[in-house]
Amino acid sequence: MSAYRRYLTFPNVVASVVCLAALPWLYWMILDRRPAADSVSEIISQEVKQGDFLQIAYKVVWTADCKIVAFRYVIDEMQVEWPISAQERIVQAGPAEFTIRIPIPMAAAPGRALYKGTIRYECNPWQKLFPLEQNLKERQFTILPNEDLAWRRRQGGFIEGPPVMRKFAGVTQ
């Protein structure tokens, strides 16, 4: 019994109480790995012209107050991935309805396309170190050529059409 009495000092008791008090909070932060939203979405128009906006209507129920960052991509007919700038915002728990507008690049190839997105959640301090990510439902749509933005018009012997090297448009020399 006297061996344990040596460890039963005031600083050790305080440290033990602090650790035991922090344990449930730490446990919650580490195991809180579920997405903070349940959503239903719908594409407003299935066909979008080059340089225009794809619009998606969302009905979301946020389950927690979080900071979110949305990473979005459009993949065109030629399998070129066009990144859209990331958006960051703070959301509050509860229902929300909103419409997002995704800009379709002017140089995106006309034809079938795919919209992909990922949301990164930071709902507690632990998730700032190890953020939770959720992939959004992929959406298929069609990119239509925009005659007003055509890179080359049919004049004389010229034939209108996409550039042959469009797939390598992001490569710099």
N, C-alpha and C. Protein backbone atom coordinates (compact mmCIF):
# COMPACT_ATOMS: atom_id res chain seq x y z
N MET A 1 0.81 -1.19 0.00
CA MET A 1 0.00 0.00 0.00
C MET A 1 0.86 1.26 0.00
N SER A 2 1.97 1.22 0.66
CA SER A 2 2.83 2.40 0.74
C SER A 2 3.46 2.72 -0.62
N ALA A 3 3.61 1.71 -1.48
CA ALA A 3 4.17 1.95 -2.81
C ALA A 3 3.22 2.80 -3.64
N TYR A 4 1.92 2.61 -3.50
CA TYR A 4 0.94 3.41 -4.23
C TYR A 4 0.81 4.81 -3.65
N ARG A 5 1.05 4.94 -2.38
CA ARG A 5 0.92 6.23 -1.73
C ARG A 5 1.95 7.24 -2.28
N ARG A 6 3.07 6.71 -2.71
CA ARG A 6 4.10 7.56 -3.28
C ARG A 6 3.60 8.23 -4.58
N TYR A 7 2.72 7.56 -5.38
CA TYR A 7 2.18 8.10 -6.63
C TYR A 7 0.91 8.90 -6.42
N LEU A 8 0.34 8.86 -5.25
CA LEU A 8 -0.91 9.55 -4.96
C LEU A 8 -0.61 10.96 -4.45
N THR A 9 -0.05 11.77 -5.37
CA THR A 9 0.26 13.17 -5.03
C THR A 9 -0.77 14.08 -5.70
N PHE A 10 -0.83 15.30 -5.26
CA PHE A 10 -1.80 16.24 -5.81
C PHE A 10 -1.64 16.44 -7.32
N PRO A 11 -0.43 16.65 -7.84
CA PRO A 11 -0.29 16.82 -9.30
C PRO A 11 -0.73 15.58 -10.07
N ASN A 12 -0.45 14.40 -9.56
CA ASN A 12 -0.86 13.17 -10.25
C ASN A 12 -2.38 13.02 -10.25
N VAL A 13 -3.03 13.37 -9.16
CA VAL A 13 -4.49 13.28 -9.08
C VAL A 13 -5.12 14.27 -10.06
N VAL A 14 -4.61 15.50 -10.11
CA VAL A 14 -5.14 16.51 -11.03
C VAL A 14 -4.95 16.07 -12.48
N ALA A 15 -3.77 15.56 -12.80
CA ALA A 15 -3.51 15.09 -14.17
C ALA A 15 -4.45 13.94 -14.54
N SER A 16 -4.70 13.04 -13.62
CA SER A 16 -5.61 11.92 -13.89
C SER A 16 -7.03 12.40 -14.11
N VAL A 17 -7.49 13.35 -13.31
CA VAL A 17 -8.84 13.89 -13.47
C VAL A 17 -8.97 14.61 -14.81
N VAL A 18 -7.97 15.39 -15.18
CA VAL A 18 -8.00 16.10 -16.46
C VAL A 18 -8.05 15.10 -17.61
N CYS A 19 -7.24 14.05 -17.56
CA CYS A 19 -7.24 13.04 -18.63
C CYS A 19 -8.58 12.32 -18.71
N LEU A 20 -9.15 11.97 -17.58
CA LEU A 20 -10.45 11.29 -17.58
C LEU A 20 -11.56 12.21 -18.07
N ALA A 21 -11.47 13.51 -17.76
CA ALA A 21 -12.49 14.45 -18.23
C ALA A 21 -12.37 14.69 -19.73
N ALA A 22 -11.17 14.65 -20.27
CA ALA A 22 -10.96 14.90 -21.70
C ALA A 22 -11.21 13.66 -22.54
N LEU A 23 -11.21 12.50 -21.95
CA LEU A 23 -11.35 11.26 -22.72
C LEU A 23 -12.63 11.18 -23.54
N PRO A 24 -13.82 11.48 -23.01
CA PRO A 24 -15.02 11.42 -23.87
C PRO A 24 -14.98 12.42 -25.02
N TRP A 25 -14.49 13.63 -24.75
CA TRP A 25 -14.39 14.64 -25.79
C TRP A 25 -13.42 14.19 -26.88
N LEU A 26 -12.28 13.67 -26.50
CA LEU A 26 -11.29 13.17 -27.45
C LEU A 26 -11.84 11.99 -28.23
N TYR A 27 -12.53 11.10 -27.55
CA TYR A 27 -13.14 9.93 -28.18
C TYR A 27 -14.15 10.38 -29.24
N TRP A 28 -14.99 11.38 -28.91
CA TRP A 28 -15.97 11.89 -29.86
C TRP A 28 -15.29 12.51 -31.08
N MET A 29 -14.25 13.31 -30.86
CA MET A 29 -13.58 13.97 -31.97
C MET A 29 -12.94 12.96 -32.93
N ILE A 30 -12.33 11.94 -32.40
CA ILE A 30 -11.63 10.98 -33.26
C ILE A 30 -12.62 10.11 -34.02
N LEU A 31 -13.71 9.70 -33.39
CA LEU A 31 -14.65 8.79 -34.04
C LEU A 31 -15.75 9.48 -34.82
N ASP A 32 -15.80 10.80 -34.81
CA ASP A 32 -16.81 11.53 -35.57
C ASP A 32 -16.39 11.58 -37.03
N ARG A 33 -16.65 10.53 -37.78
CA ARG A 33 -16.20 10.42 -39.17
C ARG A 33 -17.35 10.31 -40.16
N ARG A 34 -18.56 10.65 -39.77
CA ARG A 34 -19.69 10.57 -40.70
C ARG A 34 -19.85 11.92 -41.40
N PRO A 35 -20.28 11.91 -42.67
CA PRO A 35 -20.50 13.17 -43.38
C PRO A 35 -21.53 14.04 -42.66
N ALA A 36 -21.36 15.33 -42.74
CA ALA A 36 -22.22 16.27 -42.01
C ALA A 36 -23.43 16.70 -42.81
N ALA A 37 -23.75 16.00 -43.90
CA ALA A 37 -24.89 16.41 -44.72
C ALA A 37 -25.58 15.21 -45.35
N ASP A 38 -26.89 15.31 -45.41
CA ASP A 38 -27.71 14.40 -46.20
C ASP A 38 -28.34 15.27 -47.28
N SER A 39 -28.11 14.91 -48.55
CA SER A 39 -28.57 15.81 -49.60
C SER A 39 -29.31 15.08 -50.71
N VAL A 40 -30.13 15.85 -51.38
CA VAL A 40 -30.82 15.43 -52.59
C VAL A 40 -30.52 16.51 -53.62
N SER A 41 -30.09 16.10 -54.82
CA SER A 41 -29.74 17.10 -55.82
C SER A 41 -30.36 16.73 -57.16
N GLU A 42 -30.48 17.76 -58.00
CA GLU A 42 -31.08 17.56 -59.31
C GLU A 42 -30.48 18.58 -60.27
N ILE A 43 -30.10 18.10 -61.48
CA ILE A 43 -29.57 19.01 -62.50
C ILE A 43 -30.73 19.77 -63.11
N ILE A 44 -30.59 21.08 -63.21
CA ILE A 44 -31.67 21.91 -63.75
C ILE A 44 -31.77 21.76 -65.26
N SER A 45 -30.63 21.75 -65.96
CA SER A 45 -30.67 21.54 -67.42
C SER A 45 -29.60 20.52 -67.79
N GLN A 46 -29.95 19.57 -68.63
CA GLN A 46 -29.04 18.50 -69.03
C GLN A 46 -28.07 18.94 -70.12
N GLU A 47 -28.38 20.03 -70.81
CA GLU A 47 -27.54 20.51 -71.90
C GLU A 47 -27.04 21.92 -71.58
N VAL A 48 -25.73 22.10 -71.70
CA VAL A 48 -25.11 23.38 -71.35
C VAL A 48 -24.15 23.77 -72.47
N LYS A 49 -24.19 25.02 -72.88
CA LYS A 49 -23.26 25.51 -73.91
C LYS A 49 -21.89 25.77 -73.31
N GLN A 50 -20.87 25.70 -74.16
CA GLN A 50 -19.52 26.06 -73.74
C GLN A 50 -19.53 27.48 -73.22
N GLY A 51 -18.85 27.73 -72.08
CA GLY A 51 -18.79 29.06 -71.51
C GLY A 51 -20.00 29.42 -70.67
N ASP A 52 -20.98 28.54 -70.59
CA ASP A 52 -22.17 28.80 -69.78
C ASP A 52 -22.05 28.08 -68.44
N PHE A 53 -23.13 27.97 -67.69
CA PHE A 53 -23.09 27.38 -66.36
C PHE A 53 -23.99 26.16 -66.27
N LEU A 54 -23.46 25.08 -65.69
CA LEU A 54 -24.26 23.94 -65.31
C LEU A 54 -24.85 24.28 -63.95
N GLN A 55 -26.17 24.12 -63.81
CA GLN A 55 -26.82 24.47 -62.55
C GLN A 55 -27.39 23.22 -61.90
N ILE A 56 -27.10 23.06 -60.61
CA ILE A 56 -27.60 21.93 -59.85
C ILE A 56 -28.30 22.46 -58.61
N ALA A 57 -29.55 22.02 -58.41
CA ALA A 57 -30.33 22.44 -57.24
C ALA A 57 -30.14 21.40 -56.13
N TYR A 58 -29.86 21.87 -54.92
CA TYR A 58 -29.63 21.00 -53.77
C TYR A 58 -30.65 21.26 -52.67
N LYS A 59 -31.06 20.20 -52.02
CA LYS A 59 -31.80 20.26 -50.76
C LYS A 59 -30.95 19.48 -49.77
N VAL A 60 -30.44 20.17 -48.76
CA VAL A 60 -29.47 19.58 -47.85
C VAL A 60 -29.94 19.75 -46.41
N VAL A 61 -29.68 18.73 -45.60
CA VAL A 61 -29.87 18.84 -44.16
C VAL A 61 -28.48 18.69 -43.53
N TRP A 62 -27.95 19.80 -43.00
CA TRP A 62 -26.64 19.79 -42.35
C TRP A 62 -26.84 19.27 -40.93
N THR A 63 -26.03 18.32 -40.52
CA THR A 63 -26.17 17.73 -39.18
C THR A 63 -25.27 18.40 -38.15
N ALA A 64 -24.38 19.28 -38.58
CA ALA A 64 -23.47 19.96 -37.66
C ALA A 64 -23.02 21.29 -38.26
N ASP A 65 -22.51 22.16 -37.40
CA ASP A 65 -21.88 23.39 -37.88
C ASP A 65 -20.47 23.03 -38.33
N CYS A 66 -20.15 23.33 -39.57
CA CYS A 66 -18.85 22.91 -40.13
C CYS A 66 -18.31 23.96 -41.08
N LYS A 67 -17.01 23.85 -41.30
CA LYS A 67 -16.36 24.56 -42.39
C LYS A 67 -16.25 23.52 -43.51
N ILE A 68 -16.68 23.87 -44.71
CA ILE A 68 -16.58 22.93 -45.83
C ILE A 68 -15.79 23.58 -46.96
N VAL A 69 -15.10 22.74 -47.70
CA VAL A 69 -14.40 23.17 -48.91
C VAL A 69 -14.86 22.22 -50.01
N ALA A 70 -15.37 22.79 -51.11
CA ALA A 70 -15.86 21.98 -52.23
C ALA A 70 -14.84 22.04 -53.36
N PHE A 71 -14.41 20.87 -53.80
CA PHE A 71 -13.52 20.72 -54.95
C PHE A 71 -14.36 20.13 -56.08
N ARG A 72 -14.33 20.78 -57.25
CA ARG A 72 -15.20 20.36 -58.34
C ARG A 72 -14.43 20.23 -59.64
N TYR A 73 -14.91 19.30 -60.51
CA TYR A 73 -14.25 19.02 -61.78
C TYR A 73 -15.30 18.76 -62.85
N VAL A 74 -14.98 19.16 -64.07
CA VAL A 74 -15.79 18.80 -65.23
C VAL A 74 -14.87 18.00 -66.14
N ILE A 75 -15.34 16.84 -66.57
CA ILE A 75 -14.57 15.99 -67.50
C ILE A 75 -15.33 15.98 -68.81
N ASP A 76 -14.70 16.47 -69.86
CA ASP A 76 -15.39 16.60 -71.14
C ASP A 76 -15.31 15.32 -71.98
N GLU A 77 -15.83 15.39 -73.20
CA GLU A 77 -15.91 14.24 -74.12
C GLU A 77 -14.54 13.62 -74.39
N MET A 78 -13.50 14.44 -74.39
CA MET A 78 -12.16 13.93 -74.69
C MET A 78 -11.40 13.52 -73.44
N GLN A 79 -12.11 13.37 -72.32
CA GLN A 79 -11.55 12.94 -71.03
C GLN A 79 -10.55 13.93 -70.45
N VAL A 80 -10.69 15.22 -70.82
CA VAL A 80 -9.88 16.27 -70.23
C VAL A 80 -10.57 16.71 -68.95
N GLU A 81 -9.83 16.73 -67.85
CA GLU A 81 -10.37 17.13 -66.56
C GLU A 81 -10.15 18.63 -66.37
N TRP A 82 -11.25 19.35 -66.22
CA TRP A 82 -11.20 20.80 -66.04
C TRP A 82 -11.51 21.12 -64.58
N PRO A 83 -10.50 21.49 -63.79
CA PRO A 83 -10.78 21.82 -62.38
C PRO A 83 -11.48 23.18 -62.27
N ILE A 84 -12.45 23.25 -61.39
CA ILE A 84 -13.16 24.48 -61.09
C ILE A 84 -12.61 24.97 -59.75
N SER A 85 -12.46 26.26 -59.58
CA SER A 85 -11.86 26.77 -58.35
C SER A 85 -12.62 26.28 -57.11
N ALA A 86 -11.87 25.94 -56.08
CA ALA A 86 -12.45 25.44 -54.83
C ALA A 86 -13.23 26.54 -54.13
N GLN A 87 -14.32 26.15 -53.48
CA GLN A 87 -15.11 27.11 -52.72
C GLN A 87 -15.13 26.70 -51.26
N GLU A 88 -15.01 27.69 -50.40
CA GLU A 88 -14.98 27.44 -48.96
C GLU A 88 -16.11 28.23 -48.30
N ARG A 89 -16.79 27.60 -47.36
CA ARG A 89 -17.84 28.30 -46.63
C ARG A 89 -18.11 27.63 -45.29
N ILE A 90 -18.80 28.35 -44.43
CA ILE A 90 -19.21 27.85 -43.13
C ILE A 90 -20.70 27.53 -43.23
N VAL A 91 -21.09 26.32 -42.79
CA VAL A 91 -22.50 25.94 -42.81
C VAL A 91 -22.99 25.72 -41.39
N GLN A 92 -24.26 25.95 -41.18
CA GLN A 92 -24.87 25.76 -39.86
C GLN A 92 -25.85 24.61 -39.93
N ALA A 93 -25.99 23.90 -38.83
CA ALA A 93 -26.88 22.74 -38.76
C ALA A 93 -28.31 23.15 -39.11
N GLY A 94 -28.97 22.27 -39.87
CA GLY A 94 -30.36 22.51 -40.24
C GLY A 94 -30.55 22.35 -41.74
N PRO A 95 -31.79 22.50 -42.21
CA PRO A 95 -32.07 22.34 -43.64
C PRO A 95 -31.66 23.58 -44.44
N ALA A 96 -31.31 23.34 -45.70
CA ALA A 96 -30.93 24.42 -46.61
C ALA A 96 -31.27 24.02 -48.04
N GLU A 97 -31.65 24.99 -48.83
CA GLU A 97 -31.88 24.80 -50.26
C GLU A 97 -31.07 25.85 -51.01
N PHE A 98 -30.35 25.42 -52.03
CA PHE A 98 -29.56 26.36 -52.81
C PHE A 98 -29.26 25.76 -54.18
N THR A 99 -28.82 26.62 -55.08
CA THR A 99 -28.45 26.20 -56.43
C THR A 99 -27.00 26.59 -56.64
N ILE A 100 -26.20 25.63 -57.12
CA ILE A 100 -24.81 25.95 -57.44
C ILE A 100 -24.69 26.09 -58.95
N ARG A 101 -23.75 26.93 -59.36
CA ARG A 101 -23.49 27.15 -60.78
C ARG A 101 -22.05 26.78 -61.05
N ILE A 102 -21.86 25.81 -61.93
CA ILE A 102 -20.52 25.34 -62.28
C ILE A 102 -20.18 25.88 -63.66
N PRO A 103 -19.14 26.72 -63.77
CA PRO A 103 -18.79 27.26 -65.09
C PRO A 103 -18.21 26.17 -65.98
N ILE A 104 -18.70 26.10 -67.20
CA ILE A 104 -18.18 25.15 -68.18
C ILE A 104 -17.14 25.89 -69.01
N PRO A 105 -15.90 25.41 -69.03
CA PRO A 105 -14.84 26.11 -69.77
C PRO A 105 -15.20 26.27 -71.25
N MET A 106 -14.78 27.39 -71.82
CA MET A 106 -15.04 27.65 -73.24
C MET A 106 -14.32 26.64 -74.12
N ALA A 107 -13.20 26.12 -73.66
CA ALA A 107 -12.42 25.18 -74.46
C ALA A 107 -12.81 23.72 -74.23
N ALA A 108 -13.80 23.46 -73.38
CA ALA A 108 -14.24 22.08 -73.14
C ALA A 108 -14.84 21.52 -74.43
N ALA A 109 -14.52 20.26 -74.72
CA ALA A 109 -14.99 19.63 -75.94
C ALA A 109 -16.49 19.38 -75.87
N PRO A 110 -17.22 19.73 -76.93
CA PRO A 110 -18.66 19.44 -76.96
C PRO A 110 -18.91 17.93 -76.94
N GLY A 111 -20.01 17.54 -76.33
CA GLY A 111 -20.38 16.13 -76.24
C GLY A 111 -20.72 15.76 -74.81
N ARG A 112 -20.70 14.47 -74.53
CA ARG A 112 -21.03 14.00 -73.19
C ARG A 112 -19.97 14.44 -72.20
N ALA A 113 -20.42 14.84 -71.02
CA ALA A 113 -19.49 15.32 -70.00
C ALA A 113 -19.94 14.79 -68.64
N LEU A 114 -19.04 14.92 -67.68
CA LEU A 114 -19.29 14.42 -66.33
C LEU A 114 -18.87 15.49 -65.32
N TYR A 115 -19.72 15.70 -64.32
CA TYR A 115 -19.40 16.61 -63.22
C TYR A 115 -19.08 15.76 -61.99
N LYS A 116 -17.93 16.02 -61.38
CA LYS A 116 -17.53 15.34 -60.16
C LYS A 116 -17.21 16.38 -59.10
N GLY A 117 -17.46 16.02 -57.87
CA GLY A 117 -17.15 16.93 -56.78
C GLY A 117 -16.80 16.18 -55.51
N THR A 118 -16.04 16.82 -54.67
CA THR A 118 -15.66 16.29 -53.36
C THR A 118 -15.82 17.41 -52.34
N ILE A 119 -16.42 17.07 -51.20
CA ILE A 119 -16.55 18.05 -50.12
C ILE A 119 -15.66 17.61 -48.97
N ARG A 120 -14.87 18.54 -48.47
CA ARG A 120 -14.01 18.30 -47.31
C ARG A 120 -14.64 19.00 -46.10
N TYR A 121 -14.93 18.22 -45.06
CA TYR A 121 -15.57 18.74 -43.85
C TYR A 121 -14.55 18.94 -42.73
N GLU A 122 -14.72 20.02 -41.99
CA GLU A 122 -13.97 20.25 -40.75
C GLU A 122 -14.99 20.66 -39.70
N CYS A 123 -15.51 19.67 -38.96
CA CYS A 123 -16.57 19.94 -37.99
C CYS A 123 -16.05 19.97 -36.55
N ASN A 124 -14.85 19.52 -36.32
CA ASN A 124 -14.27 19.58 -34.97
C ASN A 124 -12.76 19.77 -35.10
N PRO A 125 -12.07 20.08 -34.02
CA PRO A 125 -10.62 20.35 -34.11
C PRO A 125 -9.81 19.19 -34.68
N TRP A 126 -10.20 17.97 -34.38
CA TRP A 126 -9.47 16.80 -34.90
C TRP A 126 -9.53 16.76 -36.43
N GLN A 127 -10.68 17.15 -37.00
CA GLN A 127 -10.85 17.11 -38.45
C GLN A 127 -10.08 18.22 -39.15
N LYS A 128 -9.53 19.17 -38.41
CA LYS A 128 -8.62 20.14 -39.04
C LYS A 128 -7.31 19.45 -39.41
N LEU A 129 -6.91 18.47 -38.59
CA LEU A 129 -5.70 17.70 -38.89
C LEU A 129 -5.98 16.58 -39.88
N PHE A 130 -7.11 15.91 -39.72
CA PHE A 130 -7.50 14.78 -40.56
C PHE A 130 -8.90 15.03 -41.09
N PRO A 131 -9.04 15.84 -42.15
CA PRO A 131 -10.37 16.20 -42.63
C PRO A 131 -11.14 15.00 -43.20
N LEU A 132 -12.43 15.10 -43.12
CA LEU A 132 -13.34 14.09 -43.64
C LEU A 132 -13.75 14.51 -45.04
N GLU A 133 -13.64 13.61 -46.01
CA GLU A 133 -14.02 13.93 -47.38
C GLU A 133 -15.15 13.03 -47.84
N GLN A 134 -16.06 13.60 -48.64
CA GLN A 134 -17.18 12.87 -49.19
C GLN A 134 -17.27 13.19 -50.67
N ASN A 135 -17.34 12.15 -51.50
CA ASN A 135 -17.51 12.36 -52.93
C ASN A 135 -18.98 12.61 -53.22
N LEU A 136 -19.25 13.62 -54.04
CA LEU A 136 -20.61 13.92 -54.45
C LEU A 136 -21.03 12.97 -55.56
N LYS A 137 -22.33 12.86 -55.76
CA LYS A 137 -22.85 12.01 -56.82
C LYS A 137 -22.41 12.57 -58.17
N GLU A 138 -21.85 11.71 -59.01
CA GLU A 138 -21.42 12.15 -60.33
C GLU A 138 -22.64 12.45 -61.19
N ARG A 139 -22.54 13.49 -61.97
CA ARG A 139 -23.66 13.92 -62.83
C ARG A 139 -23.22 13.95 -64.27
N GLN A 140 -24.00 13.31 -65.14
CA GLN A 140 -23.73 13.36 -66.57
C GLN A 140 -24.58 14.44 -67.21
N PHE A 141 -24.00 15.13 -68.16
CA PHE A 141 -24.71 16.16 -68.91
C PHE A 141 -24.05 16.29 -70.27
N THR A 142 -24.57 17.16 -71.11
CA THR A 142 -24.05 17.33 -72.46
C THR A 142 -23.58 18.77 -72.64
N ILE A 143 -22.37 18.90 -73.19
CA ILE A 143 -21.84 20.22 -73.52
C ILE A 143 -22.15 20.48 -74.98
N LEU A 144 -22.82 21.58 -75.25
CA LEU A 144 -23.16 21.96 -76.62
C LEU A 144 -22.16 23.00 -77.12
N PRO A 145 -21.85 22.97 -78.42
CA PRO A 145 -20.95 24.00 -78.95
C PRO A 145 -21.62 25.37 -78.88
N ASN A 146 -20.86 26.37 -78.53
CA ASN A 146 -21.36 27.74 -78.46
C ASN A 146 -20.81 28.49 -79.66
N GLU A 147 -21.68 28.77 -80.62
CA GLU A 147 -21.25 29.41 -81.87
C GLU A 147 -20.67 30.80 -81.62
N ASP A 148 -21.15 31.48 -80.59
CA ASP A 148 -20.63 32.82 -80.30
C ASP A 148 -19.18 32.77 -79.82
N LEU A 149 -18.77 31.64 -79.25
CA LEU A 149 -17.42 31.52 -78.71
C LEU A 149 -16.52 30.61 -79.56
N ALA A 150 -16.96 30.27 -80.76
CA ALA A 150 -16.20 29.35 -81.60
C ALA A 150 -14.80 29.91 -81.85
N TRP A 151 -13.80 29.05 -81.74
CA TRP A 151 -12.42 29.51 -81.88
C TRP A 151 -12.06 29.76 -83.34
N ARG A 152 -12.80 29.13 -84.23
CA ARG A 152 -12.52 29.32 -85.65
C ARG A 152 -13.85 29.19 -86.39
N ARG A 153 -14.18 30.14 -87.19
CA ARG A 153 -15.44 30.11 -87.94
C ARG A 153 -15.18 29.64 -89.37
N ARG A 154 -16.20 29.10 -89.96
CA ARG A 154 -16.08 28.62 -91.35
C ARG A 154 -16.04 29.84 -92.28
N GLN A 155 -14.89 30.04 -92.86
CA GLN A 155 -14.72 31.14 -93.80
C GLN A 155 -13.88 30.62 -94.96
N GLY A 156 -14.47 30.61 -96.11
CA GLY A 156 -13.73 30.11 -97.27
C GLY A 156 -13.39 28.65 -97.11
N GLY A 157 -12.08 28.32 -97.07
CA GLY A 157 -11.63 26.94 -96.99
C GLY A 157 -11.46 26.42 -95.57
N PHE A 158 -11.67 27.26 -94.56
CA PHE A 158 -11.48 26.82 -93.19
C PHE A 158 -12.65 25.98 -92.72
N ILE A 159 -12.38 24.94 -91.99
CA ILE A 159 -13.42 24.08 -91.45
C ILE A 159 -13.50 24.31 -89.95
N GLU A 160 -14.71 24.55 -89.48
CA GLU A 160 -14.90 24.79 -88.05
C GLU A 160 -14.81 23.45 -87.31
N GLY A 161 -14.19 23.46 -86.17
CA GLY A 161 -14.10 22.25 -85.36
C GLY A 161 -13.13 22.43 -84.22
N PRO A 162 -13.09 21.45 -83.33
CA PRO A 162 -12.18 21.58 -82.18
C PRO A 162 -10.74 21.40 -82.61
N PRO A 163 -9.81 22.01 -81.92
CA PRO A 163 -8.40 21.83 -82.26
C PRO A 163 -7.97 20.38 -82.03
N VAL A 164 -7.06 19.90 -82.85
CA VAL A 164 -6.60 18.52 -82.76
C VAL A 164 -5.86 18.28 -81.45
N MET A 165 -5.15 19.27 -80.95
CA MET A 165 -4.35 19.11 -79.75
C MET A 165 -5.08 19.54 -78.48
N ARG A 166 -6.41 19.59 -78.50
CA ARG A 166 -7.16 20.09 -77.34
C ARG A 166 -6.85 19.28 -76.08
N LYS A 167 -6.63 17.99 -76.20
CA LYS A 167 -6.38 17.16 -75.03
C LYS A 167 -5.12 17.61 -74.29
N PHE A 168 -4.20 18.25 -74.98
CA PHE A 168 -2.95 18.67 -74.38
C PHE A 168 -2.93 20.18 -74.14
N ALA A 169 -4.10 20.80 -74.05
CA ALA A 169 -4.17 22.24 -73.91
C ALA A 169 -3.53 22.74 -72.63
N GLY A 170 -3.50 21.91 -71.58
CA GLY A 170 -2.94 22.35 -70.30
C GLY A 170 -1.42 22.25 -70.24
N VAL A 171 -0.79 21.64 -71.24
CA VAL A 171 0.66 21.47 -71.24
C VAL A 171 1.32 22.74 -71.74
N THR A 172 2.28 23.26 -70.99
CA THR A 172 3.00 24.44 -71.42
C THR A 172 4.38 24.04 -71.93
N GLN A 173 4.88 24.83 -72.82
CA GLN A 173 6.20 24.52 -73.38
C GLN A 173 7.26 25.38 -72.76
